[in-house]
Structure formats: C-alpha cells, structure tokens
Amino acid sequence: MITAIALDDEPLALDILQNFCATIEDIDLQKTFTKSEDAFKHLKKYPVDLLFLDINMPSISGIDFYKKLPHKTMVIFTTAYSEYAVEGFTLNATDYILKPFSQARFQQAVEKAVAQWKLQNQNPEQPYLFIRADYSLIKILISDILFIEGLDDYLKIHIQNQKTIVARMTLKSILEKLPTPEFIRVHRSFIVPISKIEKVRNKIIYIHQEEIPVSASYETVFFDQLNKQ
C-alpha cells in the first residue's frame, strides 16, 4: 500500500484527487493540504511514499517545494501549465499530468508510481499485507491465510482463528501481492496456499474442513506445482 498526501492551493482540485484515489486500492491518500508550509511540516514528521503536487502555487512553486523535501519521495506533478513539464521530469518525477485530467489519465500516473514503488520495495520475505476493508486498512499475516474466495468484485479472505475479511478486490489483484509459488489459483473463484492443503481427492482440495474445487482450466498448473513440492 502506497502512502500519499496531496498539495494544491485549489480545494476543488484536492476533492478530485481524493475521489480518484478512493477508487484505487493501492493508494492510501492520508491527508490533503492547501498550504505548502503545513504540508512541509507534515512531511518532516510523517514521510510518505508519494506526493501529488501542484506546481503553480502562490507561496512557492511545486518544483521548489519538492527540491526542499528532506526525504526521498515519489512525485506526480499536477498543473494547468505545460511549460513546467521539462523541469518536472529533470527532477525524476514519476509523472506529470495536465489539468483538467481524466480518471483514466490519473490511473495511468498512479500505475507508474505503483510499479516504481514495487521496484524500490521488493521484499519477498514480507510476512504480511494490508487490505482495505470496513473503512480501514487491516493487517493480515500471510501465514494465517487459509484460502481466498472470489465473489464478483469482492473477496472473502478466510483466516486461521480469525473472522473472515470481506474486501472489494479481484482475485487477480490480490494474487499479485502474495508470494509465489506458495499461493496458487485453482479455480476462477479460489486461491489457496499450498502449505495449508491437507489432502486432495478427486479434484477437491481439503483445508480446515473446507472443500475447494480444482477447475479444469487450472488443474494442470496446480498439480504440476504440487509435484514440485
């Protein structure tokens, strides 16, 4: 999960950023600011991964603000003035988007940030992940996951000795966050951790008294992976 703040002297622009960020599960937009001094104080105390930053502001330009930051932070510049683009990219900006921008263009910029963040923070031993559910970010130990069930645009994450978590995500998106080859998709509606499988009989996986089917489209890869264990 990428932590972020936004700085823009126009409240309407911040409202748009908040609405767009709310639709993207990889971004946690923690705060927004209209005053650069408030944003700078916050960043000194609470560094974030990503900054959405307007360039043309009354007290200081976004370019100069970014140069002053005490911590290395990814930045997506937002402005109505294209002449700043070259200078923005000389600062190794993740992206530069012109106002007014569409949600699709915003999504494209965020995807660049996510890819950059993953490259910088590759850690295959990370023992947990954060999932947005019930208006919160919930920390889940990967080793406690029994299996994951897909229901249209939602997931049910079944966890050992804990309440099942329901989150608005797709199976494809959560599989990208999980370590491979430990977690494997066995059905259009199920992902399982191989270490939790108790037995497999007649294309049925048994995990903690639950029966999970292996579908024809996934069985070859699944059984090949089992044979490698």
Protein backbone atom coordinates (compact mmCIF):
# COMPACT_ATOMS: atom_id res chain seq x y z
CA MET A 1 0.00 0.00 0.00
CA ILE A 2 1.47 3.34 -1.09
CA THR A 3 1.05 6.18 1.40
CA ALA A 4 0.43 9.60 -0.12
CA ILE A 5 -0.52 13.21 0.52
CA ALA A 6 -1.62 15.94 -1.90
CA LEU A 7 -0.74 19.63 -2.00
CA ASP A 8 -2.73 22.06 -4.13
CA ASP A 9 -3.89 25.60 -3.39
CA GLU A 10 -7.27 24.82 -5.03
CA PRO A 11 -9.66 22.86 -2.74
CA LEU A 12 -11.66 21.65 -5.75
CA ALA A 13 -8.55 20.05 -7.24
CA LEU A 14 -7.93 18.25 -3.94
CA ASP A 15 -11.52 16.98 -3.92
CA ILE A 16 -10.99 15.48 -7.38
CA LEU A 17 -7.73 13.83 -6.26
CA GLN A 18 -9.45 12.37 -3.20
CA ASN A 19 -12.28 10.95 -5.29
CA PHE A 20 -9.88 9.40 -7.79
CA CYS A 21 -7.65 7.93 -5.07
CA ALA A 22 -10.67 6.37 -3.36
CA THR A 23 -11.17 4.15 -6.42
CA ILE A 24 -7.58 2.81 -6.40
CA GLU A 25 -6.82 0.13 -3.84
CA ASP A 26 -3.02 0.57 -3.94
CA ILE A 27 -3.11 4.21 -2.75
CA ASP A 28 -3.71 5.41 0.80
CA LEU A 29 -4.19 9.20 0.48
CA GLN A 30 -3.64 10.17 4.10
CA LYS A 31 -4.08 13.95 4.03
CA THR A 32 -4.51 16.89 1.68
CA PHE A 33 -3.14 20.40 2.07
CA THR A 34 -3.79 23.80 0.53
CA LYS A 35 -0.83 25.46 2.30
CA SER A 36 2.72 24.44 1.47
CA GLU A 37 4.05 25.19 4.96
CA ASP A 38 1.52 22.80 6.53
CA ALA A 39 2.38 20.07 4.04
CA PHE A 40 6.12 20.55 4.63
CA LYS A 41 5.71 20.27 8.42
CA HIS A 42 3.67 17.11 7.98
CA LEU A 43 6.22 15.52 5.64
CA LYS A 44 9.10 16.26 8.01
CA LYS A 45 7.28 14.34 10.75
CA TYR A 46 5.42 11.76 8.67
CA PRO A 47 7.24 10.84 5.43
CA VAL A 48 5.12 9.27 2.70
CA ASP A 49 5.83 7.28 -0.45
CA LEU A 50 4.10 9.57 -2.94
CA LEU A 51 3.26 13.24 -3.27
CA PHE A 52 0.59 14.67 -5.58
CA LEU A 53 1.91 18.19 -6.09
CA ASP A 54 0.56 21.24 -7.87
CA ILE A 55 3.28 23.37 -9.45
CA ASN A 56 1.74 26.83 -9.76
CA MET A 57 1.03 27.88 -6.15
CA PRO A 58 1.10 31.40 -4.69
CA SER A 59 3.68 30.99 -1.89
CA ILE A 60 6.13 28.58 -3.54
CA SER A 61 6.26 26.64 -6.78
CA GLY A 62 5.78 22.92 -6.58
CA ILE A 63 9.21 22.50 -8.19
CA ASP A 64 10.92 24.46 -5.39
CA PHE A 65 8.82 22.74 -2.73
CA TYR A 66 9.89 19.33 -3.98
CA LYS A 67 13.58 20.35 -4.02
CA LYS A 68 13.34 21.27 -0.32
CA LEU A 69 11.94 17.92 0.85
CA PRO A 70 14.09 16.21 3.49
CA HIS A 71 13.09 12.68 2.42
CA LYS A 72 13.15 10.96 -0.93
CA THR A 73 9.56 10.86 -2.16
CA MET A 74 7.97 9.90 -5.47
CA VAL A 75 6.08 12.83 -7.01
CA ILE A 76 3.29 13.20 -9.53
CA PHE A 77 3.11 16.84 -10.59
CA THR A 78 -0.32 18.28 -11.43
CA THR A 79 -0.67 21.62 -13.17
CA ALA A 80 -2.52 23.50 -15.87
CA TYR A 81 0.75 24.79 -17.35
CA SER A 82 2.60 22.53 -19.79
CA GLU A 83 5.74 24.70 -19.80
CA TYR A 84 6.75 23.19 -16.45
CA ALA A 85 6.89 19.66 -17.82
CA VAL A 86 10.57 19.57 -18.78
CA GLU A 87 11.73 20.91 -15.42
CA GLY A 88 9.41 18.46 -13.67
CA PHE A 89 10.97 15.49 -15.38
CA THR A 90 14.52 16.69 -14.68
CA LEU A 91 13.64 16.05 -11.03
CA ASN A 92 12.87 12.41 -11.90
CA ALA A 93 9.17 12.94 -11.37
CA THR A 94 7.14 9.75 -11.61
CA ASP A 95 4.69 11.55 -13.89
CA TYR A 96 3.38 14.96 -14.89
CA ILE A 97 -0.33 15.35 -15.60
CA LEU A 98 -2.04 18.37 -17.07
CA LYS A 99 -5.26 19.74 -15.55
CA PRO A 100 -8.04 19.03 -16.13
CA PHE A 101 -7.14 15.34 -16.22
CA SER A 102 -9.42 12.34 -16.59
CA GLN A 103 -9.64 9.43 -14.18
CA ALA A 104 -8.03 7.23 -16.83
CA ARG A 105 -5.02 9.57 -17.10
CA PHE A 106 -4.79 9.72 -13.30
CA GLN A 107 -4.92 5.92 -13.10
CA GLN A 108 -2.08 5.72 -15.64
CA ALA A 109 0.09 8.01 -13.50
CA VAL A 110 -0.65 6.03 -10.35
CA GLU A 111 0.20 2.76 -12.09
CA LYS A 112 3.64 4.20 -12.84
CA ALA A 113 4.04 5.08 -9.16
CA VAL A 114 2.95 1.60 -8.07
CA ALA A 115 5.45 -0.03 -10.43
CA GLN A 116 8.22 2.26 -9.20
CA TRP A 117 7.31 1.62 -5.56
CA LYS A 118 7.31 -2.15 -6.03
CA LEU A 119 10.72 -1.98 -7.68
CA GLN A 120 12.10 0.04 -4.77
CA ASN A 121 10.50 -2.12 -2.09
CA GLN A 122 10.87 -5.65 -3.35
CA ASN A 123 10.85 -7.91 -0.31
CA PRO A 124 9.80 -11.50 -0.94
CA GLU A 125 10.06 -12.24 2.80
CA GLN A 126 7.42 -9.69 3.80
CA PRO A 127 5.19 -11.71 6.17
CA TYR A 128 2.04 -9.62 5.90
CA LEU A 129 -0.12 -7.46 3.67
CA PHE A 130 -2.59 -4.64 4.25
CA ILE A 131 -6.12 -4.95 2.92
CA ARG A 132 -8.69 -2.15 2.77
CA ALA A 133 -11.94 -3.38 4.36
CA ASP A 134 -14.61 -1.94 6.67
CA TYR A 135 -13.28 1.58 6.03
CA SER A 136 -9.88 0.55 7.47
CA LEU A 137 -6.54 -0.88 6.44
CA ILE A 138 -6.33 -4.33 8.01
CA LYS A 139 -3.01 -6.10 8.51
CA ILE A 140 -3.12 -9.81 7.64
CA LEU A 141 -0.32 -12.26 8.30
CA ILE A 142 0.23 -14.17 5.07
CA SER A 143 0.96 -17.34 7.02
CA ASP A 144 -2.54 -17.21 8.57
CA ILE A 145 -4.46 -17.18 5.27
CA LEU A 146 -6.38 -20.43 4.75
CA PHE A 147 -7.80 -19.62 1.32
CA ILE A 148 -9.30 -16.75 -0.65
CA GLU A 149 -12.72 -16.83 -2.27
CA GLY A 150 -13.78 -14.51 -5.09
CA LEU A 151 -17.34 -13.17 -5.33
CA ASP A 152 -17.65 -10.89 -8.38
CA ASP A 153 -15.82 -7.68 -7.35
CA TYR A 154 -15.35 -8.82 -3.75
CA LEU A 155 -13.09 -11.23 -1.91
CA LYS A 156 -13.60 -13.30 1.21
CA ILE A 157 -10.24 -13.86 2.87
CA HIS A 158 -10.54 -16.86 5.19
CA ILE A 159 -8.02 -16.57 8.03
CA GLN A 160 -6.96 -19.09 10.63
CA ASN A 161 -8.61 -18.43 14.04
CA GLN A 162 -9.91 -15.06 12.87
CA LYS A 163 -13.03 -13.51 11.40
CA THR A 164 -13.28 -13.73 7.61
CA ILE A 165 -12.44 -10.42 5.92
CA VAL A 166 -14.54 -9.16 3.02
CA ALA A 167 -12.75 -6.70 0.72
CA ARG A 168 -13.54 -5.02 -2.58
CA MET A 169 -10.77 -6.51 -4.71
CA THR A 170 -10.32 -9.01 -7.50
CA LEU A 171 -8.56 -12.36 -7.23
CA LYS A 172 -6.08 -11.20 -9.84
CA SER A 173 -5.07 -8.11 -7.86
CA ILE A 174 -4.57 -9.92 -4.55
CA LEU A 175 -2.64 -12.75 -6.20
CA GLU A 176 -0.10 -10.16 -7.38
CA LYS A 177 0.50 -9.20 -3.73
CA LEU A 178 1.00 -12.77 -2.50
CA PRO A 179 4.23 -14.81 -2.62
CA THR A 180 4.52 -17.30 -5.46
CA PRO A 181 4.57 -20.25 -5.83
CA GLU A 182 3.12 -20.66 -2.31
CA PHE A 183 -0.25 -19.17 -3.34
CA ILE A 184 -1.87 -20.56 -6.45
CA ARG A 185 -5.18 -20.09 -8.21
CA VAL A 186 -7.09 -23.35 -8.52
CA HIS A 187 -10.47 -22.12 -9.73
CA ARG A 188 -11.98 -18.93 -11.13
CA SER A 189 -13.23 -18.31 -7.57
CA PHE A 190 -10.43 -19.64 -5.34
CA ILE A 191 -6.79 -19.08 -4.41
CA VAL A 192 -5.13 -21.44 -1.94
CA PRO A 193 -1.79 -21.56 -0.09
CA ILE A 194 -0.12 -24.89 -0.82
CA SER A 195 1.14 -25.19 2.76
CA LYS A 196 -2.43 -25.25 4.11
CA ILE A 197 -3.63 -28.11 1.89
CA GLU A 198 -4.42 -31.19 3.98
CA LYS A 199 -5.30 -33.51 1.11
CA VAL A 200 -6.54 -33.56 -2.48
CA ARG A 201 -9.09 -36.13 -3.62
CA ASN A 202 -10.99 -36.25 -6.91
CA LYS A 203 -10.03 -32.67 -7.75
CA ILE A 204 -11.25 -31.45 -4.36
CA ILE A 205 -8.83 -29.64 -2.01
CA TYR A 206 -9.40 -30.02 1.72
CA ILE A 207 -8.35 -27.17 4.00
CA HIS A 208 -9.65 -26.99 7.58
CA GLN A 209 -12.81 -28.95 6.78
CA GLU A 210 -13.49 -26.77 3.73
CA GLU A 211 -13.79 -28.34 0.29
CA ILE A 212 -12.39 -26.30 -2.60
CA PRO A 213 -12.78 -27.47 -6.21
CA VAL A 214 -9.95 -27.54 -8.74
CA SER A 215 -11.32 -26.48 -12.13
CA ALA A 216 -10.19 -27.94 -15.45
CA SER A 217 -8.55 -24.70 -16.59
CA TYR A 218 -6.24 -24.58 -13.55
CA GLU A 219 -5.64 -28.26 -12.75
CA THR A 220 -2.53 -28.79 -14.89
CA VAL A 221 -0.61 -25.91 -13.33
CA PHE A 222 -1.87 -26.81 -9.85
CA PHE A 223 -0.86 -30.47 -9.97
CA ASP A 224 2.48 -29.61 -11.58
CA GLN A 225 3.17 -27.26 -8.68
CA LEU A 226 2.17 -29.91 -6.13
CA ASN A 227 4.57 -32.40 -7.71
CA LYS A 228 7.43 -29.91 -7.28
CA GLN A 229 6.89 -29.62 -3.53
